[in-house]
Amino acid sequence: MNGIFQHPKNTILKYTENNTIIGSVLLVKKEHQLYLGMLTVSPELQNSGIGKKLLAEAENYAKSLDLSSIIMTVISVRQELIAWYKRHGYVDTGEREAFPESGIHVTVSDEPLEFIYLEKTI
């Protein structure tokens, strides 16, 4: 995890109130796109607009780097999250990636897990 913070292509945006981090997002410059990952908001403050503000700042950051789009992956079973991103201008690219295999077997869905790629042109 420490490598994420120290990698030179990675940027972490944080949202704070009263010196407490209540939201954050990982941004990674990848050629002509900005990868957005690990967007998180404190559970008790979700639906308060913090996620939307972090998305807006990610767009500003991408523009400052002269990047043409933002891309992300979302786990296929997170339909409510996918819908939220779509309401904020992201579209399903049609690209899929298999969810990594692990030794832990937890049934989340009858469907196989995969990552769905979403993209927003800015």
N, C-alpha and C. Protein backbone atom coordinates (compact mmCIF):
# COMPACT_ATOMS: atom_id res chain seq x y z
N MET A 1 0.83 -1.20 0.00
CA MET A 1 0.00 0.00 0.00
C MET A 1 0.86 1.25 0.00
N ASN A 2 1.97 1.23 0.71
CA ASN A 2 2.85 2.39 0.77
C ASN A 2 3.35 2.78 -0.61
N GLY A 3 3.54 1.78 -1.51
CA GLY A 3 3.99 2.05 -2.86
C GLY A 3 3.03 2.92 -3.64
N ILE A 4 1.75 2.80 -3.36
CA ILE A 4 0.74 3.63 -4.03
C ILE A 4 1.01 5.10 -3.74
N PHE A 5 1.32 5.42 -2.51
CA PHE A 5 1.55 6.81 -2.12
C PHE A 5 2.86 7.35 -2.66
N GLN A 6 3.83 6.50 -2.85
CA GLN A 6 5.15 6.95 -3.25
C GLN A 6 5.42 6.90 -4.75
N HIS A 7 4.54 6.26 -5.52
CA HIS A 7 4.78 6.15 -6.96
C HIS A 7 4.64 7.53 -7.61
N PRO A 8 5.61 7.95 -8.44
CA PRO A 8 5.60 9.30 -8.99
C PRO A 8 4.43 9.62 -9.94
N LYS A 9 3.81 8.60 -10.54
CA LYS A 9 2.67 8.86 -11.43
C LYS A 9 1.34 8.93 -10.69
N ASN A 10 1.35 8.63 -9.40
CA ASN A 10 0.13 8.61 -8.61
C ASN A 10 -0.08 9.91 -7.86
N THR A 11 -1.33 10.33 -7.83
CA THR A 11 -1.72 11.50 -7.04
C THR A 11 -2.93 11.10 -6.21
N ILE A 12 -2.93 11.47 -4.96
CA ILE A 12 -4.08 11.22 -4.08
C ILE A 12 -4.70 12.57 -3.75
N LEU A 13 -5.97 12.72 -4.11
CA LEU A 13 -6.72 13.91 -3.69
C LEU A 13 -7.48 13.54 -2.43
N LYS A 14 -7.51 14.47 -1.50
CA LYS A 14 -8.26 14.21 -0.27
C LYS A 14 -9.24 15.35 -0.03
N TYR A 15 -10.33 15.02 0.60
CA TYR A 15 -11.35 15.99 1.00
C TYR A 15 -11.36 15.99 2.52
N THR A 16 -11.14 17.16 3.11
CA THR A 16 -11.07 17.23 4.57
C THR A 16 -12.09 18.21 5.13
N GLU A 17 -12.49 17.94 6.34
CA GLU A 17 -13.30 18.85 7.15
C GLU A 17 -12.76 18.77 8.56
N ASN A 18 -12.52 19.92 9.16
CA ASN A 18 -12.00 19.97 10.54
C ASN A 18 -10.75 19.11 10.70
N ASN A 19 -9.85 19.21 9.74
CA ASN A 19 -8.59 18.46 9.75
C ASN A 19 -8.76 16.94 9.74
N THR A 20 -9.91 16.46 9.28
CA THR A 20 -10.17 15.03 9.17
C THR A 20 -10.42 14.69 7.71
N ILE A 21 -9.72 13.68 7.22
CA ILE A 21 -9.95 13.23 5.85
C ILE A 21 -11.26 12.46 5.83
N ILE A 22 -12.20 12.91 4.98
CA ILE A 22 -13.50 12.24 4.88
C ILE A 22 -13.77 11.71 3.48
N GLY A 23 -12.83 11.95 2.57
CA GLY A 23 -12.95 11.42 1.22
C GLY A 23 -11.62 11.47 0.53
N SER A 24 -11.41 10.55 -0.42
CA SER A 24 -10.16 10.55 -1.17
C SER A 24 -10.36 9.82 -2.49
N VAL A 25 -9.40 10.04 -3.40
CA VAL A 25 -9.41 9.36 -4.69
C VAL A 25 -7.98 9.24 -5.20
N LEU A 26 -7.67 8.13 -5.83
CA LEU A 26 -6.37 7.89 -6.45
C LEU A 26 -6.46 8.27 -7.92
N LEU A 27 -5.50 9.06 -8.39
CA LEU A 27 -5.42 9.44 -9.80
C LEU A 27 -4.06 9.01 -10.34
N VAL A 28 -4.07 8.35 -11.51
CA VAL A 28 -2.84 7.85 -12.11
C VAL A 28 -2.78 8.29 -13.56
N LYS A 29 -1.72 9.00 -13.93
CA LYS A 29 -1.54 9.44 -15.31
C LYS A 29 -1.11 8.24 -16.14
N LYS A 30 -1.88 7.96 -17.21
CA LYS A 30 -1.58 6.84 -18.12
C LYS A 30 -1.69 7.35 -19.54
N GLU A 31 -0.59 7.63 -20.16
CA GLU A 31 -0.52 8.14 -21.53
C GLU A 31 -1.45 9.33 -21.73
N HIS A 32 -2.58 9.14 -22.45
CA HIS A 32 -3.49 10.25 -22.75
C HIS A 32 -4.75 10.24 -21.87
N GLN A 33 -4.71 9.41 -20.83
CA GLN A 33 -5.86 9.29 -19.95
C GLN A 33 -5.43 9.41 -18.50
N LEU A 34 -6.40 9.73 -17.67
CA LEU A 34 -6.20 9.72 -16.23
C LEU A 34 -7.01 8.55 -15.69
N TYR A 35 -6.36 7.65 -14.96
CA TYR A 35 -7.06 6.55 -14.32
C TYR A 35 -7.53 7.03 -12.95
N LEU A 36 -8.81 6.80 -12.67
CA LEU A 36 -9.41 7.18 -11.39
C LEU A 36 -9.74 5.90 -10.64
N GLY A 37 -9.24 5.78 -9.42
CA GLY A 37 -9.52 4.58 -8.64
C GLY A 37 -9.65 4.88 -7.16
N MET A 38 -10.21 3.92 -6.47
CA MET A 38 -10.32 3.97 -5.01
C MET A 38 -11.02 5.23 -4.49
N LEU A 39 -12.03 5.69 -5.22
CA LEU A 39 -12.82 6.83 -4.72
C LEU A 39 -13.58 6.36 -3.49
N THR A 40 -13.39 7.07 -2.41
CA THR A 40 -14.05 6.68 -1.17
C THR A 40 -14.51 7.91 -0.40
N VAL A 41 -15.64 7.77 0.26
CA VAL A 41 -16.18 8.81 1.13
C VAL A 41 -16.62 8.14 2.42
N SER A 42 -16.36 8.77 3.53
CA SER A 42 -16.77 8.24 4.83
C SER A 42 -18.24 7.80 4.76
N PRO A 43 -18.55 6.57 5.17
CA PRO A 43 -19.92 6.04 5.00
C PRO A 43 -21.03 6.94 5.52
N GLU A 44 -20.82 7.57 6.67
CA GLU A 44 -21.90 8.40 7.22
C GLU A 44 -22.09 9.71 6.45
N LEU A 45 -21.16 10.03 5.55
CA LEU A 45 -21.26 11.27 4.77
C LEU A 45 -21.54 11.03 3.29
N GLN A 46 -21.79 9.76 2.93
CA GLN A 46 -22.12 9.48 1.54
C GLN A 46 -23.46 10.13 1.21
N ASN A 47 -23.64 10.46 -0.07
CA ASN A 47 -24.82 11.18 -0.57
C ASN A 47 -24.86 12.62 -0.09
N SER A 48 -23.69 13.18 0.26
CA SER A 48 -23.64 14.59 0.67
C SER A 48 -22.91 15.46 -0.36
N GLY A 49 -22.54 14.87 -1.50
CA GLY A 49 -21.90 15.65 -2.56
C GLY A 49 -20.38 15.60 -2.56
N ILE A 50 -19.78 14.92 -1.61
CA ILE A 50 -18.32 14.87 -1.53
C ILE A 50 -17.74 14.09 -2.71
N GLY A 51 -18.34 12.97 -3.05
CA GLY A 51 -17.88 12.18 -4.19
C GLY A 51 -17.94 12.98 -5.48
N LYS A 52 -19.01 13.74 -5.65
CA LYS A 52 -19.17 14.58 -6.83
C LYS A 52 -18.07 15.65 -6.88
N LYS A 53 -17.73 16.22 -5.73
CA LYS A 53 -16.65 17.22 -5.67
C LYS A 53 -15.30 16.59 -6.01
N LEU A 54 -15.07 15.36 -5.53
CA LEU A 54 -13.82 14.69 -5.85
C LEU A 54 -13.73 14.38 -7.35
N LEU A 55 -14.85 13.99 -7.96
CA LEU A 55 -14.87 13.76 -9.41
C LEU A 55 -14.56 15.05 -10.16
N ALA A 56 -15.13 16.15 -9.72
CA ALA A 56 -14.88 17.45 -10.37
C ALA A 56 -13.41 17.83 -10.27
N GLU A 57 -12.81 17.61 -9.12
CA GLU A 57 -11.39 17.94 -8.94
C GLU A 57 -10.51 17.01 -9.79
N ALA A 58 -10.93 15.76 -9.94
CA ALA A 58 -10.20 14.83 -10.81
C ALA A 58 -10.23 15.33 -12.25
N GLU A 59 -11.37 15.85 -12.68
CA GLU A 59 -11.47 16.41 -14.03
C GLU A 59 -10.57 17.63 -14.18
N ASN A 60 -10.55 18.49 -13.18
CA ASN A 60 -9.67 19.66 -13.23
C ASN A 60 -8.21 19.23 -13.31
N TYR A 61 -7.86 18.21 -12.55
CA TYR A 61 -6.49 17.70 -12.57
C TYR A 61 -6.14 17.14 -13.95
N ALA A 62 -7.06 16.37 -14.54
CA ALA A 62 -6.83 15.81 -15.87
C ALA A 62 -6.63 16.92 -16.89
N LYS A 63 -7.45 17.95 -16.81
CA LYS A 63 -7.32 19.08 -17.73
C LYS A 63 -5.98 19.78 -17.55
N SER A 64 -5.53 19.91 -16.31
CA SER A 64 -4.25 20.58 -16.05
C SER A 64 -3.08 19.79 -16.65
N LEU A 65 -3.27 18.48 -16.83
CA LEU A 65 -2.24 17.64 -17.44
C LEU A 65 -2.45 17.49 -18.95
N ASP A 66 -3.47 18.18 -19.47
CA ASP A 66 -3.80 18.10 -20.90
C ASP A 66 -4.22 16.69 -21.33
N LEU A 67 -4.93 15.99 -20.47
CA LEU A 67 -5.40 14.65 -20.78
C LEU A 67 -6.82 14.72 -21.33
N SER A 68 -7.15 13.80 -22.22
CA SER A 68 -8.43 13.89 -22.93
C SER A 68 -9.57 13.13 -22.27
N SER A 69 -9.27 12.22 -21.35
CA SER A 69 -10.35 11.47 -20.72
C SER A 69 -9.92 10.89 -19.39
N ILE A 70 -10.93 10.47 -18.64
CA ILE A 70 -10.72 9.77 -17.37
C ILE A 70 -11.31 8.39 -17.54
N ILE A 71 -10.57 7.38 -17.09
CA ILE A 71 -11.04 5.99 -17.19
C ILE A 71 -10.99 5.36 -15.81
N MET A 72 -11.84 4.37 -15.60
CA MET A 72 -11.88 3.66 -14.32
C MET A 72 -12.40 2.25 -14.54
N THR A 73 -12.22 1.41 -13.54
CA THR A 73 -12.84 0.09 -13.54
C THR A 73 -13.73 -0.01 -12.31
N VAL A 74 -14.86 -0.69 -12.51
CA VAL A 74 -15.81 -0.91 -11.42
C VAL A 74 -16.20 -2.38 -11.47
N ILE A 75 -16.30 -3.01 -10.32
CA ILE A 75 -16.70 -4.42 -10.26
C ILE A 75 -18.14 -4.56 -10.77
N SER A 76 -18.35 -5.52 -11.64
CA SER A 76 -19.61 -5.67 -12.36
C SER A 76 -20.85 -5.76 -11.48
N VAL A 77 -20.76 -6.32 -10.30
CA VAL A 77 -21.94 -6.48 -9.44
C VAL A 77 -22.34 -5.18 -8.75
N ARG A 78 -21.53 -4.14 -8.85
CA ARG A 78 -21.84 -2.86 -8.19
C ARG A 78 -22.71 -1.98 -9.10
N GLN A 79 -23.88 -2.47 -9.44
CA GLN A 79 -24.76 -1.78 -10.39
C GLN A 79 -25.14 -0.37 -9.93
N GLU A 80 -25.37 -0.19 -8.63
CA GLU A 80 -25.73 1.15 -8.14
C GLU A 80 -24.57 2.12 -8.29
N LEU A 81 -23.36 1.64 -8.12
CA LEU A 81 -22.18 2.49 -8.29
C LEU A 81 -21.95 2.82 -9.77
N ILE A 82 -22.12 1.82 -10.63
CA ILE A 82 -22.00 2.05 -12.07
C ILE A 82 -23.02 3.09 -12.51
N ALA A 83 -24.25 2.99 -12.03
CA ALA A 83 -25.30 3.95 -12.36
C ALA A 83 -24.92 5.36 -11.88
N TRP A 84 -24.31 5.46 -10.69
CA TRP A 84 -23.89 6.76 -10.15
C TRP A 84 -22.86 7.41 -11.07
N TYR A 85 -21.86 6.63 -11.49
CA TYR A 85 -20.85 7.17 -12.39
C TYR A 85 -21.47 7.57 -13.73
N LYS A 86 -22.40 6.79 -14.23
CA LYS A 86 -23.06 7.13 -15.50
C LYS A 86 -23.83 8.45 -15.36
N ARG A 87 -24.46 8.67 -14.22
CA ARG A 87 -25.16 9.96 -14.00
C ARG A 87 -24.19 11.13 -13.99
N HIS A 88 -22.91 10.85 -13.77
CA HIS A 88 -21.89 11.90 -13.75
C HIS A 88 -21.08 11.94 -15.05
N GLY A 89 -21.63 11.34 -16.10
CA GLY A 89 -21.06 11.48 -17.44
C GLY A 89 -20.15 10.38 -17.91
N TYR A 90 -19.98 9.33 -17.13
CA TYR A 90 -19.13 8.21 -17.53
C TYR A 90 -19.95 7.24 -18.38
N VAL A 91 -19.30 6.62 -19.36
CA VAL A 91 -19.98 5.65 -20.22
C VAL A 91 -19.23 4.32 -20.19
N ASP A 92 -19.97 3.25 -20.37
CA ASP A 92 -19.40 1.91 -20.43
C ASP A 92 -18.68 1.77 -21.76
N THR A 93 -17.39 1.47 -21.72
CA THR A 93 -16.60 1.33 -22.96
C THR A 93 -16.82 -0.01 -23.64
N GLY A 94 -17.43 -0.96 -22.94
CA GLY A 94 -17.59 -2.31 -23.46
C GLY A 94 -16.42 -3.21 -23.11
N GLU A 95 -15.33 -2.62 -22.64
CA GLU A 95 -14.15 -3.41 -22.27
C GLU A 95 -14.38 -4.07 -20.92
N ARG A 96 -13.96 -5.31 -20.80
CA ARG A 96 -14.08 -6.06 -19.56
C ARG A 96 -12.74 -6.69 -19.21
N GLU A 97 -12.54 -6.92 -17.94
CA GLU A 97 -11.33 -7.59 -17.46
C GLU A 97 -11.75 -8.56 -16.37
N ALA A 98 -11.24 -9.77 -16.42
CA ALA A 98 -11.58 -10.77 -15.42
C ALA A 98 -11.13 -10.32 -14.04
N PHE A 99 -11.93 -10.60 -13.06
CA PHE A 99 -11.56 -10.31 -11.67
C PHE A 99 -10.46 -11.29 -11.29
N PRO A 100 -9.41 -10.83 -10.60
CA PRO A 100 -8.30 -11.73 -10.26
C PRO A 100 -8.74 -12.90 -9.39
N GLU A 101 -8.18 -14.04 -9.68
CA GLU A 101 -8.43 -15.24 -8.88
C GLU A 101 -7.70 -15.11 -7.55
N SER A 102 -8.27 -15.70 -6.52
CA SER A 102 -7.58 -15.72 -5.22
C SER A 102 -7.91 -17.03 -4.52
N GLY A 103 -7.22 -17.29 -3.46
CA GLY A 103 -7.47 -18.49 -2.67
C GLY A 103 -8.69 -18.37 -1.79
N ILE A 104 -9.25 -17.18 -1.70
CA ILE A 104 -10.43 -16.94 -0.86
C ILE A 104 -11.66 -17.12 -1.74
N HIS A 105 -12.59 -17.94 -1.31
CA HIS A 105 -13.79 -18.20 -2.10
C HIS A 105 -15.00 -17.64 -1.37
N VAL A 106 -15.45 -16.49 -1.82
CA VAL A 106 -16.63 -15.85 -1.25
C VAL A 106 -17.62 -15.67 -2.39
N THR A 107 -18.83 -16.15 -2.22
CA THR A 107 -19.85 -16.01 -3.25
C THR A 107 -20.53 -14.67 -3.08
N VAL A 108 -20.39 -13.82 -4.11
CA VAL A 108 -21.01 -12.50 -4.08
C VAL A 108 -22.18 -12.47 -5.04
N SER A 109 -22.08 -13.26 -6.10
CA SER A 109 -23.07 -13.22 -7.16
C SER A 109 -23.04 -14.55 -7.90
N ASP A 110 -24.15 -14.88 -8.57
CA ASP A 110 -24.17 -16.07 -9.41
C ASP A 110 -23.37 -15.83 -10.69
N GLU A 111 -23.20 -14.56 -11.06
CA GLU A 111 -22.44 -14.19 -12.24
C GLU A 111 -20.95 -14.16 -11.90
N PRO A 112 -20.09 -14.46 -12.89
CA PRO A 112 -18.66 -14.31 -12.62
C PRO A 112 -18.33 -12.83 -12.45
N LEU A 113 -17.42 -12.53 -11.52
CA LEU A 113 -17.02 -11.15 -11.29
C LEU A 113 -16.09 -10.69 -12.39
N GLU A 114 -16.26 -9.46 -12.81
CA GLU A 114 -15.36 -8.85 -13.77
C GLU A 114 -15.33 -7.36 -13.55
N PHE A 115 -14.29 -6.72 -14.09
CA PHE A 115 -14.21 -5.28 -14.05
C PHE A 115 -14.83 -4.71 -15.32
N ILE A 116 -15.64 -3.69 -15.16
CA ILE A 116 -16.23 -2.96 -16.28
C ILE A 116 -15.46 -1.65 -16.40
N TYR A 117 -15.06 -1.30 -17.62
CA TYR A 117 -14.35 -0.04 -17.85
C TYR A 117 -15.35 1.06 -18.16
N LEU A 118 -15.22 2.16 -17.44
CA LEU A 118 -16.04 3.35 -17.67
C LEU A 118 -15.09 4.48 -18.06
N GLU A 119 -15.57 5.38 -18.92
CA GLU A 119 -14.73 6.47 -19.39
C GLU A 119 -15.56 7.75 -19.54
N LYS A 120 -14.91 8.85 -19.28
CA LYS A 120 -15.52 10.16 -19.50
C LYS A 120 -14.54 11.01 -20.29
N THR A 121 -15.01 11.51 -21.43
CA THR A 121 -14.20 12.43 -22.22
C THR A 121 -14.35 13.82 -21.62
N ILE A 122 -13.21 14.50 -21.48
CA ILE A 122 -13.27 15.84 -20.88
C ILE A 122 -12.72 16.88 -21.84
